[in-house]
C-alpha atoms as a PDB file:
ATOM      1  CA  UNK A   1      24.591  16.400  11.931  1.00  0.00           C
ATOM      2  CA  UNK A   2      23.554  16.913   8.305  1.00  0.00           C
ATOM      3  CA  UNK A   3      25.944  19.491   6.841  1.00  0.00           C
ATOM      4  CA  UNK A   4      24.249  19.467   3.433  1.00  0.00           C
ATOM      5  CA  UNK A   5      21.550  22.086   3.943  1.00  0.00           C
ATOM      6  CA  UNK A   6      20.329  25.123   2.037  1.00  0.00           C
ATOM      7  CA  UNK A   7      21.893  27.341   4.675  1.00  0.00           C
ATOM      8  CA  UNK A   8      25.322  25.762   4.294  1.00  0.00           C
ATOM      9  CA  UNK A   9      25.070  25.807   0.505  1.00  0.00           C
ATOM     10  CA  UNK A  10      24.396  29.542   0.582  1.00  0.00           C
ATOM     11  CA  UNK A  11      27.388  30.107   2.832  1.00  0.00           C
ATOM     12  CA  UNK A  12      29.916  27.996   0.953  1.00  0.00           C
ATOM     13  CA  UNK A  13      28.860  29.058  -2.532  1.00  0.00           C
ATOM     14  CA  UNK A  14      28.815  32.708  -1.525  1.00  0.00           C
ATOM     15  CA  UNK A  15      32.454  32.232  -0.515  1.00  0.00           C
ATOM     16  CA  UNK A  16      33.202  30.406  -3.789  1.00  0.00           C
ATOM     17  CA  UNK A  17      31.425  32.871  -6.109  1.00  0.00           C
ATOM     18  CA  UNK A  18      34.480  35.054  -6.991  1.00  0.00           C
ATOM     19  CA  UNK A  19      36.573  32.069  -8.106  1.00  0.00           C
ATOM     20  CA  UNK A  20      33.799  29.725  -9.202  1.00  0.00           C
ATOM     21  CA  UNK A  21      34.257  30.230 -12.948  1.00  0.00           C
ATOM     22  CA  UNK A  22      37.945  29.399 -12.784  1.00  0.00           C
ATOM     23  CA  UNK A  23      37.182  25.865 -11.600  1.00  0.00           C
ATOM     24  CA  UNK A  24      33.723  25.155 -13.008  1.00  0.00           C
ATOM     25  CA  UNK A  25      34.602  26.264 -16.549  1.00  0.00           C
ATOM     26  CA  UNK A  26      36.661  23.062 -16.757  1.00  0.00           C
ATOM     27  CA  UNK A  27      33.371  21.318 -17.550  1.00  0.00           C
ATOM     28  CA  UNK A  28      32.353  23.638 -20.410  1.00  0.00           C
ATOM     29  CA  UNK A  29      32.784  20.972 -23.089  1.00  0.00           C
ATOM     30  CA  UNK A  30      30.417  18.657 -21.234  1.00  0.00           C
ATOM     31  CA  UNK A  31      27.958  21.491 -20.647  1.00  0.00           C
ATOM     32  CA  UNK A  32      27.900  22.253 -24.362  1.00  0.00           C
ATOM     33  CA  UNK A  33      27.535  18.603 -25.340  1.00  0.00           C
ATOM     34  CA  UNK A  34      24.659  18.189 -22.867  1.00  0.00           C
ATOM     35  CA  UNK A  35      22.807  21.245 -24.169  1.00  0.00           C
ATOM     36  CA  UNK A  36      23.432  20.540 -27.860  1.00  0.00           C
ATOM     37  CA  UNK A  37      21.851  17.092 -27.460  1.00  0.00           C
ATOM     38  CA  UNK A  38      18.559  18.634 -26.328  1.00  0.00           C
ATOM     39  CA  UNK A  39      17.637  19.963 -29.768  1.00  0.00           C
ATOM     40  CA  UNK A  40      16.302  23.228 -28.339  1.00  0.00           C
ATOM     41  CA  UNK A  41      13.753  24.920 -30.605  1.00  0.00           C
ATOM     42  CA  UNK A  42      13.065  28.649 -31.062  1.00  0.00           C
ATOM     43  CA  UNK A  43      10.968  30.141 -28.263  1.00  0.00           C
ATOM     44  CA  UNK A  44      11.415  27.103 -26.005  1.00  0.00           C
ATOM     45  CA  UNK A  45      11.055  27.934 -22.330  1.00  0.00           C
ATOM     46  CA  UNK A  46      14.126  26.741 -20.447  1.00  0.00           C
ATOM     47  CA  UNK A  47      14.674  26.404 -16.706  1.00  0.00           C
ATOM     48  CA  UNK A  48      18.182  26.069 -15.284  1.00  0.00           C
ATOM     49  CA  UNK A  49      18.076  24.784 -11.702  1.00  0.00           C
ATOM     50  CA  UNK A  50      21.197  25.480  -9.681  1.00  0.00           C
ATOM     51  CA  UNK A  51      22.471  27.811 -12.394  1.00  0.00           C
ATOM     52  CA  UNK A  52      25.547  28.921 -10.464  1.00  0.00           C
ATOM     53  CA  UNK A  53      27.219  31.866 -12.198  1.00  0.00           C
ATOM     54  CA  UNK A  54      25.511  31.096 -15.509  1.00  0.00           C
ATOM     55  CA  UNK A  55      28.206  29.115 -17.303  1.00  0.00           C
ATOM     56  CA  UNK A  56      25.507  27.295 -19.307  1.00  0.00           C
ATOM     57  CA  UNK A  57      24.139  30.509 -20.799  1.00  0.00           C
ATOM     58  CA  UNK A  58      26.596  30.932 -23.673  1.00  0.00           C
ATOM     59  CA  UNK A  59      25.599  27.529 -25.056  1.00  0.00           C
ATOM     60  CA  UNK A  60      21.888  28.386 -25.277  1.00  0.00           C
ATOM     61  CA  UNK A  61      20.154  29.823 -28.361  1.00  0.00           C
ATOM     62  CA  UNK A  62      19.380  33.516 -28.250  1.00  0.00           C
ATOM     63  CA  UNK A  63      15.781  32.940 -29.386  1.00  0.00           C
ATOM     64  CA  UNK A  64      14.570  31.016 -26.326  1.00  0.00           C
ATOM     65  CA  UNK A  65      13.145  32.157 -22.999  1.00  0.00           C
ATOM     66  CA  UNK A  66      15.473  31.313 -20.110  1.00  0.00           C
ATOM     67  CA  UNK A  67      14.838  31.243 -16.375  1.00  0.00           C
ATOM     68  CA  UNK A  68      17.929  30.649 -14.237  1.00  0.00           C
ATOM     69  CA  UNK A  69      17.551  29.956 -10.527  1.00  0.00           C
ATOM     70  CA  UNK A  70      20.012  29.445  -7.708  1.00  0.00           C
ATOM     71  CA  UNK A  71      19.706  29.566  -3.948  1.00  0.00           C
ATOM     72  CA  UNK A  72      22.811  31.750  -3.583  1.00  0.00           C
ATOM     73  CA  UNK A  73      22.159  35.486  -4.178  1.00  0.00           C
ATOM     74  CA  UNK A  74      25.769  36.239  -5.134  1.00  0.00           C
ATOM     75  CA  UNK A  75      25.559  33.637  -7.902  1.00  0.00           C
ATOM     76  CA  UNK A  76      22.409  35.247  -9.273  1.00  0.00           C
ATOM     77  CA  UNK A  77      24.118  38.639  -9.324  1.00  0.00           C
ATOM     78  CA  UNK A  78      26.960  37.076 -11.322  1.00  0.00           C
ATOM     79  CA  UNK A  79      24.418  35.664 -13.801  1.00  0.00           C
ATOM     80  CA  UNK A  80      22.842  39.079 -14.286  1.00  0.00           C
ATOM     81  CA  UNK A  81      26.252  40.620 -14.872  1.00  0.00           C
ATOM     82  CA  UNK A  82      27.141  37.881 -17.399  1.00  0.00           C
ATOM     83  CA  UNK A  83      23.924  38.499 -19.304  1.00  0.00           C
ATOM     84  CA  UNK A  84      24.773  42.171 -19.804  1.00  0.00           C
ATOM     85  CA  UNK A  85      27.186  40.836 -22.428  1.00  0.00           C
ATOM     86  CA  UNK A  86      25.145  37.881 -23.735  1.00  0.00           C
ATOM     87  CA  UNK A  87      21.842  39.805 -23.957  1.00  0.00           C
ATOM     88  CA  UNK A  88      19.681  36.696 -23.675  1.00  0.00           C
ATOM     89  CA  UNK A  89      15.979  36.699 -22.858  1.00  0.00           C
ATOM     90  CA  UNK A  90      16.714  35.838 -19.243  1.00  0.00           C
ATOM     91  CA  UNK A  91      15.178  35.956 -15.791  1.00  0.00           C
ATOM     92  CA  UNK A  92      17.607  35.234 -12.956  1.00  0.00           C
ATOM     93  CA  UNK A  93      15.936  34.480  -9.635  1.00  0.00           C
ATOM     94  CA  UNK A  94      16.926  33.395  -6.137  1.00  0.00           C
ATOM     95  CA  UNK A  95      14.926  30.200  -5.642  1.00  0.00           C
ATOM     96  CA  UNK A  96      15.187  26.758  -4.074  1.00  0.00           C
ATOM     97  CA  UNK A  97      15.458  23.998  -6.679  1.00  0.00           C
ATOM     98  CA  UNK A  98      13.547  21.673  -4.359  1.00  0.00           C
ATOM     99  CA  UNK A  99      10.471  23.956  -4.382  1.00  0.00           C
ATOM    100  CA  UNK A 100      10.591  26.431  -7.260  1.00  0.00           C
ATOM    101  CA  UNK A 101       7.005  27.719  -6.923  1.00  0.00           C
ATOM    102  CA  UNK A 102       6.575  27.771 -10.717  1.00  0.00           C
ATOM    103  CA  UNK A 103       3.272  26.560 -12.154  1.00  0.00           C
ATOM    104  CA  UNK A 104       2.901  22.980 -13.365  1.00  0.00           C
ATOM    105  CA  UNK A 105       4.032  22.282 -16.955  1.00  0.00           C
ATOM    106  CA  UNK A 106       5.645  25.676 -17.500  1.00  0.00           C
ATOM    107  CA  UNK A 107       8.898  24.733 -19.250  1.00  0.00           C
ATOM    108  CA  UNK A 108       9.950  22.834 -22.391  1.00  0.00           C
ATOM    109  CA  UNK A 109      13.466  22.132 -21.125  1.00  0.00           C
ATOM    110  CA  UNK A 110      15.028  21.768 -17.657  1.00  0.00           C
ATOM    111  CA  UNK A 111      18.799  21.828 -17.194  1.00  0.00           C
ATOM    112  CA  UNK A 112      20.274  20.115 -14.125  1.00  0.00           C
ATOM    113  CA  UNK A 113      24.009  20.630 -14.399  1.00  0.00           C
ATOM    114  CA  UNK A 114      26.115  19.961 -11.289  1.00  0.00           C
ATOM    115  CA  UNK A 115      23.131  20.277  -8.959  1.00  0.00           C
ATOM    116  CA  UNK A 116      21.780  16.792  -8.160  1.00  0.00           C
ATOM    117  CA  UNK A 117      24.966  15.949  -6.249  1.00  0.00           C
ATOM    118  CA  UNK A 118      24.905  19.264  -4.383  1.00  0.00           C
ATOM    119  CA  UNK A 119      21.294  19.985  -3.473  1.00  0.00           C
ATOM    120  CA  UNK A 120      20.208  18.593  -0.072  1.00  0.00           C
ATOM    121  CA  UNK A 121      17.318  16.520  -1.477  1.00  0.00           C
ATOM    122  CA  UNK A 122      17.967  15.375  -5.075  1.00  0.00           C
ATOM    123  CA  UNK A 123      14.707  13.398  -5.198  1.00  0.00           C
ATOM    124  CA  UNK A 124      12.678  16.527  -4.461  1.00  0.00           C
ATOM    125  CA  UNK A 125      14.707  18.366  -7.088  1.00  0.00           C
ATOM    126  CA  UNK A 126      14.086  15.865  -9.878  1.00  0.00           C
ATOM    127  CA  UNK A 127      10.419  15.588  -8.941  1.00  0.00           C
ATOM    128  CA  UNK A 128      10.181  19.371  -9.081  1.00  0.00           C
ATOM    129  CA  UNK A 129      11.789  19.327 -12.516  1.00  0.00           C
ATOM    130  CA  UNK A 130       9.181  16.782 -13.608  1.00  0.00           C
ATOM    131  CA  UNK A 131       6.334  18.866 -12.203  1.00  0.00           C
ATOM    132  CA  UNK A 132       7.270  22.099 -13.989  1.00  0.00           C
ATOM    133  CA  UNK A 133       8.147  20.370 -17.278  1.00  0.00           C
ATOM    134  CA  UNK A 134       5.620  20.108 -20.096  1.00  0.00           C
ATOM    135  CA  UNK A 135       4.624  16.703 -21.423  1.00  0.00           C
ATOM    136  CA  UNK A 136       7.240  15.636 -23.953  1.00  0.00           C
ATOM    137  CA  UNK A 137       9.772  18.024 -22.437  1.00  0.00           C
ATOM    138  CA  UNK A 138      13.393  17.074 -21.853  1.00  0.00           C
ATOM    139  CA  UNK A 139      15.876  17.292 -18.996  1.00  0.00           C
ATOM    140  CA  UNK A 140      19.656  17.516 -19.319  1.00  0.00           C
ATOM    141  CA  UNK A 141      21.586  16.080 -16.364  1.00  0.00           C
ATOM    142  CA  UNK A 142      25.330  16.469 -15.970  1.00  0.00           C
ATOM    143  CA  UNK A 143      26.833  15.520 -12.640  1.00  0.00           C
ATOM    144  CA  UNK A 144      28.984  13.183 -10.606  1.00  0.00           C
ATOM    145  CA  UNK A 145      27.387   9.850  -9.691  1.00  0.00           C
ATOM    146  CA  UNK A 146      28.487   6.413  -8.583  1.00  0.00           C
ATOM    147  CA  UNK A 147      29.071   4.166 -11.582  1.00  0.00           C
ATOM    148  CA  UNK A 148      26.032   2.199 -12.666  1.00  0.00           C
ATOM    149  CA  UNK A 149      25.664  -1.215 -11.015  1.00  0.00           C
ATOM    150  CA  UNK A 150      28.395  -0.458  -8.491  1.00  0.00           C
ATOM    151  CA  UNK A 151      28.207  -0.006  -4.753  1.00  0.00           C
ATOM    152  CA  UNK A 152      29.789   2.946  -3.023  1.00  0.00           C
ATOM    153  CA  UNK A 153      33.286   1.967  -1.939  1.00  0.00           C
ATOM    154  CA  UNK A 154      34.496   2.577   1.587  1.00  0.00           C
ATOM    155  CA  UNK A 155      37.176   4.905   0.218  1.00  0.00           C
ATOM    156  CA  UNK A 156      34.542   6.961  -1.561  1.00  0.00           C
ATOM    157  CA  UNK A 157      32.446   7.133   1.597  1.00  0.00           C
ATOM    158  CA  UNK A 158      35.490   8.351   3.533  1.00  0.00           C
ATOM    159  CA  UNK A 159      36.370  10.980   0.944  1.00  0.00           C
ATOM    160  CA  UNK A 160      32.762  12.113   0.922  1.00  0.00           C
ATOM    161  CA  UNK A 161      33.111  13.321   4.510  1.00  0.00           C
ATOM    162  CA  UNK A 162      35.386  16.023   3.094  1.00  0.00           C
ATOM    163  CA  UNK A 163      33.820  16.669  -0.317  1.00  0.00           C
ATOM    164  CA  UNK A 164      30.296  16.902   1.079  1.00  0.00           C
ATOM    165  CA  UNK A 165      31.482  19.544   3.512  1.00  0.00           C
ATOM    166  CA  UNK A 166      33.349  21.546   0.901  1.00  0.00           C
ATOM    167  CA  UNK A 167      31.326  21.311  -2.301  1.00  0.00           C
ATOM    168  CA  UNK A 168      29.412  18.157  -3.223  1.00  0.00           C
ATOM    169  CA  UNK A 169      28.259  14.635  -2.378  1.00  0.00           C
ATOM    170  CA  UNK A 170      30.233  12.045  -4.357  1.00  0.00           C
ATOM    171  CA  UNK A 171      28.221   9.009  -3.220  1.00  0.00           C
ATOM    172  CA  UNK A 172      24.911   9.648  -4.967  1.00  0.00           C
ATOM    173  CA  UNK A 173      23.360   7.027  -7.219  1.00  0.00           C
ATOM    174  CA  UNK A 174      21.487   8.466 -10.180  1.00  0.00           C
ATOM    175  CA  UNK A 175      19.255   5.423 -10.655  1.00  0.00           C
ATOM    176  CA  UNK A 176      17.926   5.644  -7.100  1.00  0.00           C
ATOM    177  CA  UNK A 177      17.114   9.322  -7.714  1.00  0.00           C
ATOM    178  CA  UNK A 178      15.419   9.037 -11.110  1.00  0.00           C
ATOM    179  CA  UNK A 179      13.369   6.008  -9.990  1.00  0.00           C
ATOM    180  CA  UNK A 180      11.341   8.409  -7.848  1.00  0.00           C
ATOM    181  CA  UNK A 181      10.125  10.122 -11.010  1.00  0.00           C
ATOM    182  CA  UNK A 182       8.271   9.088 -14.149  1.00  0.00           C
ATOM    183  CA  UNK A 183      11.058  10.173 -16.499  1.00  0.00           C
ATOM    184  CA  UNK A 184      12.220   8.050 -19.405  1.00  0.00           C
ATOM    185  CA  UNK A 185      16.009   7.865 -19.744  1.00  0.00           C
ATOM    186  CA  UNK A 186      16.860   8.664 -23.374  1.00  0.00           C
ATOM    187  CA  UNK A 187      20.635   8.525 -23.090  1.00  0.00           C
ATOM    188  CA  UNK A 188      23.329   8.019 -20.477  1.00  0.00           C
ATOM    189  CA  UNK A 189      26.986   8.573 -21.359  1.00  0.00           C
ATOM    190  CA  UNK A 190      30.199   8.685 -19.379  1.00  0.00           C
ATOM    191  CA  UNK A 191      31.797  12.108 -19.201  1.00  0.00           C
ATOM    192  CA  UNK A 192      34.618  13.640 -17.179  1.00  0.00           C
ATOM    193  CA  UNK A 193      36.981  11.891 -14.764  1.00  0.00           C
ATOM    194  CA  UNK A 194      36.680   8.394 -16.209  1.00  0.00           C
ATOM    195  CA  UNK A 195      32.909   8.294 -16.085  1.00  0.00           C
ATOM    196  CA  UNK A 196      32.547   9.535 -12.539  1.00  0.00           C
ATOM    197  CA  UNK A 197      30.616  12.324 -14.254  1.00  0.00           C
ATOM    198  CA  UNK A 198      27.766  11.391 -16.571  1.00  0.00           C
ATOM    199  CA  UNK A 199      25.723  13.079 -19.300  1.00  0.00           C
ATOM    200  CA  UNK A 200      22.103  11.968 -19.061  1.00  0.00           C
ATOM    201  CA  UNK A 201      19.036  13.028 -21.025  1.00  0.00           C
ATOM    202  CA  UNK A 202      15.502  12.431 -19.760  1.00  0.00           C
ATOM    203  CA  UNK A 203      12.030  12.897 -21.254  1.00  0.00           C
ATOM    204  CA  UNK A 204       8.659  13.406 -19.601  1.00  0.00           C
ATOM    205  CA  UNK A 205       6.241  11.122 -21.415  1.00  0.00           C
ATOM    206  CA  UNK A 206       3.207  11.421 -19.110  1.00  0.00           C
END
């Protein structure tokens, strides 16, 4: 049985919403580094897929147009509450990151922080990011992936039976995901937990 479904994600992240910031804010330095590297310009249109409670928002310029989506309604409510303080130009919507329903080439920037290892179909997600991104637009990826050029160990596979149930898949290979898109990889750096998390920047050239 495939436990990683939209239905299960809604259930578990609804349960986690009240305490989500306490744990996920651990990654704020990496979030900031990922966003700073994008070189966001005034009036850029930004899409955050799998926005969670909106922890990325405080690192974004106030003069851009932000759309934050998440499949969990309680997360979106938390984003709206957060923005009462930040006062960003923000739309927060309940949407599936695998099929956003936005028009082609709508956004200048797409942020994929801690979503490609969670969403049921990461290939559909990255292809959707490519579809809605303008030519020359950039994507920021921050997530947990298997180290480059390494196979998934048996220990990792065993641990994944628990982590995939509770919060995230820890066996995903970024290269096998991005190869289903036309993105150019601009940078790829190790991040948290000895490089088990990576900061990756992509560009849409065609």
